[in-house]
N, C-alpha and C. Protein backbone atom coordinates (compact mmCIF):
# COMPACT_ATOMS: atom_id res chain seq x y z
N MET A 1 10.27 164.79 156.15
CA MET A 1 10.31 163.26 155.70
C MET A 1 10.92 162.99 154.88
N SER A 2 12.17 162.15 155.67
CA SER A 2 13.50 161.92 155.18
C SER A 2 12.92 160.72 153.71
N GLN A 3 13.36 160.88 152.47
CA GLN A 3 13.35 159.67 151.50
C GLN A 3 13.46 158.41 151.47
N GLY A 4 14.40 158.14 153.02
CA GLY A 4 14.20 156.55 153.32
C GLY A 4 13.04 156.11 154.24
N SER A 5 12.31 157.04 154.46
CA SER A 5 11.11 156.72 155.78
C SER A 5 9.92 157.24 155.06
N LEU A 6 9.74 157.50 153.39
CA LEU A 6 8.82 157.69 152.59
C LEU A 6 7.56 156.15 152.79
N LYS A 7 6.45 156.33 152.42
CA LYS A 7 5.91 155.21 152.17
C LYS A 7 5.86 154.51 150.70
N PRO A 8 5.72 153.15 150.91
CA PRO A 8 5.88 152.69 149.06
C PRO A 8 5.07 153.19 148.23
N ARG A 9 5.30 153.89 146.97
CA ARG A 9 3.85 154.65 146.30
C ARG A 9 2.93 153.08 145.51
N ARG A 10 3.26 151.79 145.49
CA ARG A 10 2.89 150.84 144.59
C ARG A 10 1.41 151.03 145.37
N PRO A 11 1.35 150.70 146.64
CA PRO A 11 -0.43 150.00 146.87
C PRO A 11 -1.20 151.47 146.55
N TYR A 12 -0.50 152.56 146.28
CA TYR A 12 -1.80 154.31 146.18
C TYR A 12 -1.54 153.96 144.68
N LEU A 13 -0.53 153.99 144.07
CA LEU A 13 -0.89 153.69 142.50
C LEU A 13 -1.81 152.21 142.23
N LEU A 14 -1.94 151.04 142.50
CA LEU A 14 -2.45 149.81 142.75
C LEU A 14 -4.13 150.53 142.81
N ARG A 15 -4.42 151.11 144.28
CA ARG A 15 -5.84 151.85 144.25
C ARG A 15 -6.37 152.63 143.22
N ALA A 16 -5.30 153.34 142.61
CA ALA A 16 -5.73 154.57 141.76
C ALA A 16 -5.85 153.86 140.37
N MET A 17 -5.40 153.26 140.21
CA MET A 17 -5.69 152.63 138.19
C MET A 17 -6.94 151.46 138.39
N HIS A 18 -6.55 150.99 140.04
CA HIS A 18 -7.87 149.79 139.95
C HIS A 18 -9.20 150.95 139.87
N GLU A 19 -9.60 152.28 140.36
CA GLU A 19 -10.44 152.89 140.31
C GLU A 19 -10.49 153.66 138.88
N TRP A 20 -9.62 154.27 138.32
CA TRP A 20 -9.73 154.54 137.25
C TRP A 20 -10.10 153.37 136.40
N ILE A 21 -10.09 152.79 136.21
CA ILE A 21 -9.80 151.27 135.52
C ILE A 21 -12.01 151.07 135.78
N SER A 22 -12.40 151.02 137.05
CA SER A 22 -13.68 150.39 137.03
C SER A 22 -14.12 151.89 136.59
N ASP A 23 -14.53 153.07 137.10
CA ASP A 23 -14.77 154.13 136.58
C ASP A 23 -15.19 154.49 134.99
N ASN A 24 -14.23 153.69 134.43
CA ASN A 24 -14.53 153.57 132.81
C ASN A 24 -15.11 152.28 132.32
N ASN A 25 -15.76 151.81 133.53
CA ASN A 25 -16.49 150.18 133.43
C ASN A 25 -15.82 149.68 132.62
N HIS A 26 -14.66 149.33 132.86
CA HIS A 26 -13.58 148.19 132.39
C HIS A 26 -12.94 147.17 133.61
N THR A 27 -12.68 146.18 132.73
CA THR A 27 -12.91 144.87 134.12
C THR A 27 -10.96 144.86 134.36
N PRO A 28 -10.56 145.78 135.92
CA PRO A 28 -9.45 145.61 136.36
C PRO A 28 -8.93 144.09 136.62
N HIS A 29 -7.50 143.77 135.73
CA HIS A 29 -6.88 142.43 136.36
C HIS A 29 -5.58 142.92 136.62
N ILE A 30 -5.10 142.11 137.96
CA ILE A 30 -3.47 142.31 138.80
C ILE A 30 -3.08 140.94 137.96
N VAL A 31 -1.50 141.34 137.57
CA VAL A 31 -0.46 140.50 137.82
C VAL A 31 0.17 139.73 138.36
N VAL A 32 -0.05 138.79 139.20
CA VAL A 32 0.83 138.51 140.12
C VAL A 32 2.22 137.68 140.29
N ASP A 33 3.44 137.51 141.03
CA ASP A 33 4.03 136.63 141.05
C ASP A 33 3.51 135.85 142.41
N ALA A 34 2.99 134.40 141.73
CA ALA A 34 2.78 133.60 142.39
C ALA A 34 4.04 133.08 143.19
N THR A 35 5.50 133.21 143.27
CA THR A 35 6.39 132.39 143.69
C THR A 35 6.76 133.39 145.10
N VAL A 36 6.17 134.81 145.13
CA VAL A 36 6.12 135.52 146.13
C VAL A 36 5.95 135.07 147.73
N GLU A 37 6.27 134.61 148.82
CA GLU A 37 6.41 134.65 150.25
C GLU A 37 4.58 135.45 150.28
N GLY A 38 3.81 134.59 151.03
CA GLY A 38 2.58 135.21 151.52
C GLY A 38 0.83 134.63 150.19
N VAL A 39 1.83 134.76 149.16
CA VAL A 39 0.52 134.78 148.03
C VAL A 39 -0.35 133.14 148.11
N GLU A 40 -1.28 133.22 148.36
CA GLU A 40 -2.43 132.25 148.30
C GLU A 40 -3.14 132.21 147.44
N VAL A 41 -3.45 131.89 146.32
CA VAL A 41 -4.43 131.91 145.54
C VAL A 41 -4.10 130.19 145.11
N PRO A 42 -5.26 130.11 143.77
CA PRO A 42 -5.28 128.71 143.91
C PRO A 42 -4.50 127.89 143.01
N ARG A 43 -3.05 127.28 143.02
CA ARG A 43 -2.02 126.34 142.59
C ARG A 43 -2.67 126.66 141.20
N GLN A 44 -3.73 125.68 140.81
CA GLN A 44 -3.74 125.40 139.39
C GLN A 44 -4.18 125.98 138.50
N TYR A 45 -3.76 127.57 138.39
CA TYR A 45 -4.08 127.96 137.73
C TYR A 45 -2.89 129.52 137.49
N VAL A 46 -1.51 128.75 138.09
CA VAL A 46 -0.39 129.35 138.17
C VAL A 46 0.43 129.02 137.17
N GLN A 47 0.47 130.11 136.08
CA GLN A 47 1.25 129.44 135.31
C GLN A 47 2.58 130.33 134.95
N GLY A 48 3.90 129.82 134.88
CA GLY A 48 5.09 130.32 134.63
C GLY A 48 5.55 131.21 136.25
N GLY A 49 4.85 130.40 136.88
CA GLY A 49 5.25 131.17 138.35
C GLY A 49 4.26 132.82 138.30
N LYS A 50 3.56 132.99 137.56
CA LYS A 50 2.65 133.66 137.50
C LYS A 50 1.33 133.30 137.39
N ILE A 51 0.29 134.47 138.11
CA ILE A 51 -0.92 134.60 137.95
C ILE A 51 -2.15 135.84 137.62
N ILE A 52 -2.66 135.71 136.71
CA ILE A 52 -3.87 136.91 136.42
C ILE A 52 -5.24 137.01 136.90
N LEU A 53 -5.02 137.68 137.71
CA LEU A 53 -6.57 137.53 138.72
C LEU A 53 -7.43 138.91 138.44
N ASN A 54 -9.30 138.54 138.31
CA ASN A 54 -9.89 139.73 137.72
C ASN A 54 -9.86 140.36 139.03
N VAL A 55 -9.75 141.47 139.48
CA VAL A 55 -9.97 142.21 140.88
C VAL A 55 -11.22 143.34 140.77
N SER A 56 -11.92 143.01 139.74
CA SER A 56 -13.72 143.85 139.75
C SER A 56 -14.03 143.18 140.69
N TYR A 57 -15.09 144.48 141.01
CA TYR A 57 -16.29 144.45 142.37
C TYR A 57 -17.16 143.00 142.18
N GLN A 58 -17.41 143.12 140.71
CA GLN A 58 -17.97 141.79 140.53
C GLN A 58 -17.75 140.50 140.60
N ALA A 59 -16.52 140.27 140.35
CA ALA A 59 -15.65 139.31 140.23
C ALA A 59 -15.62 138.80 141.70
N THR A 60 -15.18 139.46 142.49
CA THR A 60 -14.65 139.60 143.99
C THR A 60 -15.74 139.61 144.86
N ASP A 61 -15.59 139.47 146.44
CA ASP A 61 -16.44 139.68 147.06
C ASP A 61 -15.28 139.64 148.45
N GLY A 62 -15.46 141.62 149.09
CA GLY A 62 -15.07 142.08 150.04
C GLY A 62 -12.93 142.32 150.08
N LEU A 63 -13.83 142.88 148.19
CA LEU A 63 -12.30 143.40 147.70
C LEU A 63 -11.96 143.76 148.94
N VAL A 64 -10.36 144.29 149.17
CA VAL A 64 -9.41 145.02 150.15
C VAL A 64 -8.65 145.51 149.77
N LEU A 65 -8.34 146.53 149.11
CA LEU A 65 -6.91 146.65 148.62
C LEU A 65 -6.33 148.07 149.62
N GLY A 66 -5.67 146.74 150.49
CA GLY A 66 -4.33 147.68 151.57
C GLY A 66 -3.43 147.83 151.25
N ASN A 67 -2.47 148.67 152.25
CA ASN A 67 -1.66 148.80 151.99
C ASN A 67 -0.16 147.75 151.68
N ASP A 68 -0.47 146.89 152.67
CA ASP A 68 0.69 145.52 152.34
C ASP A 68 0.13 144.34 151.87
N VAL A 69 -1.38 144.44 151.48
CA VAL A 69 -1.86 143.08 151.63
C VAL A 69 -3.10 143.43 150.31
N VAL A 70 -3.51 142.50 149.63
CA VAL A 70 -4.99 142.70 148.93
C VAL A 70 -5.40 141.59 149.30
N ARG A 71 -6.83 141.55 149.39
CA ARG A 71 -7.40 139.99 149.90
C ARG A 71 -8.68 140.18 149.25
N PHE A 72 -9.27 139.29 148.80
CA PHE A 72 -11.09 138.77 148.60
C PHE A 72 -11.44 137.48 148.27
N ARG A 73 -12.74 137.55 148.14
CA ARG A 73 -12.98 136.28 147.72
C ARG A 73 -13.27 135.77 145.78
N ALA A 74 -12.88 134.48 145.90
CA ALA A 74 -13.78 134.82 144.33
C ALA A 74 -14.38 132.98 144.18
N ARG A 75 -14.45 132.82 142.65
CA ARG A 75 -14.63 131.75 142.24
C ARG A 75 -13.56 131.33 141.33
N PHE A 76 -13.08 130.28 141.23
CA PHE A 76 -12.28 129.33 140.33
C PHE A 76 -12.71 128.25 140.12
N GLY A 77 -13.40 128.43 138.87
CA GLY A 77 -13.32 126.08 138.34
C GLY A 77 -14.93 126.36 139.63
N GLY A 78 -15.77 127.12 139.69
CA GLY A 78 -16.90 127.24 140.73
C GLY A 78 -16.81 126.65 142.15
N SER A 79 -15.20 126.90 142.50
CA SER A 79 -15.02 126.53 144.05
C SER A 79 -14.97 128.26 144.61
N ILE A 80 -15.23 128.51 145.75
CA ILE A 80 -14.91 129.63 146.31
C ILE A 80 -13.25 129.72 146.91
N PHE A 81 -12.91 130.66 146.72
CA PHE A 81 -11.45 131.03 147.23
C PHE A 81 -11.09 132.02 147.65
N ASP A 82 -10.38 131.97 148.74
CA ASP A 82 -9.96 133.03 149.82
C ASP A 82 -8.47 133.20 149.48
N VAL A 83 -8.47 135.07 147.97
CA VAL A 83 -7.15 135.34 147.93
C VAL A 83 -6.49 136.14 149.14
N THR A 84 -5.37 136.11 148.90
CA THR A 84 -4.76 136.93 149.76
C THR A 84 -3.23 136.91 148.76
N VAL A 85 -2.39 138.46 148.56
CA VAL A 85 -1.75 138.31 147.61
C VAL A 85 -1.00 140.10 148.45
N PRO A 86 0.24 139.48 148.50
CA PRO A 86 0.89 141.05 149.49
C PRO A 86 1.53 141.82 147.91
N VAL A 87 1.02 143.01 148.37
CA VAL A 87 1.08 144.12 147.24
C VAL A 87 2.31 144.34 146.76
N ALA A 88 3.39 143.56 147.45
CA ALA A 88 5.24 143.43 146.87
C ALA A 88 4.56 142.67 145.87
N ALA A 89 3.86 141.17 145.77
CA ALA A 89 3.84 140.48 144.65
C ALA A 89 3.09 140.60 143.48
N ILE A 90 2.64 141.75 143.49
CA ILE A 90 1.75 142.34 141.85
C ILE A 90 2.96 143.69 141.44
N LEU A 91 2.57 142.54 140.02
CA LEU A 91 3.52 143.22 139.11
C LEU A 91 2.84 144.47 138.41
N GLY A 92 2.27 144.14 138.05
CA GLY A 92 0.99 145.76 137.55
C GLY A 92 -0.35 145.07 137.61
N ILE A 93 -1.10 146.42 136.87
CA ILE A 93 -2.57 146.17 136.92
C ILE A 93 -2.84 146.40 135.39
N TYR A 94 -4.31 145.75 135.01
CA TYR A 94 -4.38 146.20 133.26
C TYR A 94 -5.94 146.37 133.63
N ALA A 95 -6.54 146.97 132.34
CA ALA A 95 -8.01 147.04 132.03
C ALA A 95 -7.89 145.91 130.90
N ARG A 96 -8.69 144.92 130.93
CA ARG A 96 -9.47 143.62 130.54
C ARG A 96 -9.36 144.11 129.13
N GLU A 97 -10.20 144.86 128.96
CA GLU A 97 -10.56 145.31 127.54
C GLU A 97 -9.63 145.94 126.30
N THR A 98 -9.02 146.89 127.34
CA THR A 98 -7.88 147.76 126.25
C THR A 98 -6.34 147.29 126.60
N GLY A 99 -6.04 146.97 127.72
CA GLY A 99 -4.54 146.75 128.24
C GLY A 99 -3.99 147.17 128.33
N GLN A 100 -5.02 148.64 128.48
CA GLN A 100 -3.83 150.29 129.53
C GLN A 100 -3.70 149.95 130.78
N GLY A 101 -2.83 150.33 131.48
CA GLY A 101 -2.71 150.42 132.93
C GLY A 101 -1.16 150.42 133.45
N MET A 102 -0.74 149.85 134.27
CA MET A 102 0.47 150.02 134.79
C MET A 102 1.33 149.03 135.54
N ILE A 103 2.68 148.81 134.73
CA ILE A 103 3.41 147.65 135.54
C ILE A 103 4.17 148.52 136.31
N PHE A 104 4.58 147.91 137.31
CA PHE A 104 5.17 148.47 138.24
C PHE A 104 6.52 148.05 138.37
N SER A 105 7.51 149.40 139.17
CA SER A 105 8.99 148.81 138.90
C SER A 105 9.73 148.64 140.29
N GLU A 106 10.87 148.33 140.29
CA GLU A 106 10.84 148.00 141.54
C GLU A 106 10.79 148.76 142.39
N VAL A 107 10.95 150.03 141.40
CA VAL A 107 11.27 151.31 142.78
C VAL A 107 9.95 151.57 143.55
N ASP A 108 8.90 150.67 142.79
CA ASP A 108 7.65 151.40 143.35
C ASP A 108 7.14 149.75 144.91
N ALA A 109 8.32 149.42 144.84
CA ALA A 109 8.05 148.36 145.58
C ALA A 109 7.79 148.43 147.23
N PRO A 110 7.41 147.76 148.00
CA PRO A 110 7.77 148.01 149.55
C PRO A 110 9.27 147.64 149.70
N PRO A 111 9.76 148.06 150.80
CA PRO A 111 10.68 147.79 151.45
C PRO A 111 10.90 146.04 151.51
N PRO A 112 12.17 145.71 151.02
CA PRO A 112 12.44 143.80 152.07
C PRO A 112 11.93 143.85 153.53
N PRO A 113 11.54 143.12 154.49
CA PRO A 113 11.55 142.60 155.37
C PRO A 113 12.72 143.17 155.98
N PRO A 114 12.66 143.53 157.73
CA PRO A 114 14.31 144.41 158.05
C PRO A 114 15.14 142.80 158.04
N ASP A 115 15.03 141.66 158.32
CA ASP A 115 15.78 140.41 158.57
C ASP A 115 15.72 139.85 157.63
N LYS A 116 15.70 140.85 156.34
CA LYS A 116 16.49 140.08 155.45
C LYS A 116 17.37 141.33 154.81
N PRO A 117 18.85 140.63 154.49
CA PRO A 117 19.70 141.74 154.14
C PRO A 117 19.22 142.50 152.60
N SER A 118 19.12 143.77 152.42
CA SER A 118 19.10 144.07 151.29
C SER A 118 19.71 144.06 149.93
N PRO A 119 19.40 143.53 148.74
CA PRO A 119 20.41 143.29 147.66
C PRO A 119 21.60 144.75 147.25
N THR A 120 21.50 145.67 147.85
CA THR A 120 22.38 146.63 147.74
C THR A 120 23.10 146.94 148.71
N SER A 121 22.97 146.53 150.18
CA SER A 121 23.49 146.61 151.04
C SER A 121 25.35 145.67 151.19
N GLU A 122 25.35 145.05 150.11
CA GLU A 122 26.90 144.53 150.26
C GLU A 122 27.43 144.77 149.09
N GLY A 123 28.73 145.15 148.80
CA GLY A 123 29.81 145.80 147.57
C GLY A 123 28.80 146.74 147.29
N SER A 124 28.43 147.65 147.83
CA SER A 124 27.54 148.83 146.61
C SER A 124 28.53 149.54 146.92
N SER A 125 28.78 150.77 146.35
CA SER A 125 29.36 152.27 146.50
C SER A 125 28.57 153.29 145.88
N SER A 126 29.31 154.34 146.69
CA SER A 126 28.21 155.57 146.46
C SER A 126 28.08 156.32 145.03
N SER A 127 29.60 155.76 144.36
CA SER A 127 29.19 156.41 142.95
C SER A 127 28.26 155.61 141.81
N GLY A 128 28.21 154.31 142.17
CA GLY A 128 27.24 153.68 140.96
C GLY A 128 25.95 153.42 142.05
N ASP A 129 25.18 153.55 143.08
CA ASP A 129 24.39 154.13 143.05
C ASP A 129 23.00 154.41 142.73
N THR A 130 23.53 155.61 142.00
CA THR A 130 22.33 156.45 141.81
C THR A 130 22.49 155.95 139.99
N LYS A 131 22.77 155.43 139.46
CA LYS A 131 22.19 155.05 137.84
C LYS A 131 21.79 153.73 137.68
N ARG A 132 20.57 153.81 136.59
CA ARG A 132 19.63 153.29 136.45
C ARG A 132 19.89 152.49 135.35
N GLY A 133 19.73 151.40 134.86
CA GLY A 133 19.70 150.80 133.22
C GLY A 133 18.26 151.86 132.88
N ARG A 134 18.15 151.31 132.02
CA ARG A 134 16.85 151.64 131.28
C ARG A 134 15.30 150.69 131.91
N PRO A 135 14.05 151.85 131.98
CA PRO A 135 13.40 150.47 132.11
C PRO A 135 12.90 149.87 130.89
N THR A 136 12.16 149.01 131.18
CA THR A 136 12.32 147.85 130.33
C THR A 136 10.17 147.62 130.34
N LEU A 137 9.56 147.50 129.10
CA LEU A 137 7.97 147.46 129.33
C LEU A 137 7.78 145.91 128.96
N ARG A 138 7.12 145.29 128.93
CA ARG A 138 6.36 143.78 128.04
C ARG A 138 5.02 143.65 128.37
N VAL A 139 4.24 143.07 127.03
CA VAL A 139 2.99 143.13 127.05
C VAL A 139 2.82 142.21 128.07
N VAL A 140 1.41 141.85 128.53
CA VAL A 140 1.13 140.93 129.61
C VAL A 140 -0.02 140.14 129.19
N LYS A 141 -0.57 139.42 128.45
CA LYS A 141 -1.80 138.69 127.78
C LYS A 141 -2.54 137.55 128.77
């Protein structure tokens, strides 16, 4: 299997971290970029283009952590809402109680849809493609 045909890591890492957080009796939360196309969340809870969602089994109904999308039903302000989040929109997952978790990098993101050009397709040279900047982390509360 060539490097280009590998499946994205993000959904697998997301499921593994969700299981690890849950197995430790902590509450998994995901950080979502609500500006990404296909994100269906209650917009009144979006702040700065992002929303933090409790994805514990106790807080959700019918939780599906799929390869392309995360889906569940949850209560927001007493009202039930069907939530749909493309995996590409998930920026990280962490345990509410400890803050331990994982922030996803662009490397873990699924490839862009085939109808949109990738950002590296124009003006890229083979000499500069392999060098990447130092990764950065930030605290999400």
